[in-house]
Amino acid sequence: MRRILGILKTWFCERFYNIEPKICIYDLDGTIIDSSHRATHDEKGNIDLKGWKEKSTKDFIFQDSLMPLYTQLVKDYKNGHMVIICTARELGKWDYEYINMHNIYYDRIISRPKGNTTTDWKLKENQLRYLFQLPQYRDKQKIFYDDNGNNLFALAGLGATIVDAKRFNQMA
């Protein structure tokens, strides 16, 4: 294990050293993890954040399951592509425990800062903008996997290739 920004990161598996890696960005909920049992929505379809936070306990989190797109994440990671998890949820101890227990491979995790209430698409657009501006990432192909149309539209606007996780998971 090694320490990254105060978080222990496991050396997960054998990995190909890719000199021209793609940047593969994965959402968690509805993309690689089915956590629908924890989500309730209002009449406009917006998630009830208070209810979500109340169900962010070990018992609820460990009822989550992996979705078919998880196998693509594993493939990308083992082929030496940079894997970034970008989620609009606040991550806590049990989220990280779940991620590591289920071998959800990653190079970096980006999550919602505690107390931040920015709309998901705007949050992700702002948090991932550096990949499209910094010279070391600017010319790399970026593939963004998400189940939310607004998030997909926002990242397409920055220049990412987008994959609708809902469709991918249904086809698998």
Foldseek 3Di string as FASTA:
>chain_A
DDADPNDDDDPQDAADADPAAAEEEEEEDLFFKPLVVQWDADPVRHTDVVSNVVQPDLVSVVVIDTFPCLVVQVVSGRHNHAYEYEYAADDDDNNVVVCVVVVSDHPYYHYHDPPDDPDPLVVVLVVCLCLCPPPVRNPHAYEYEDQDPSNQVSVVVSPHHYDHSNVVRVVD
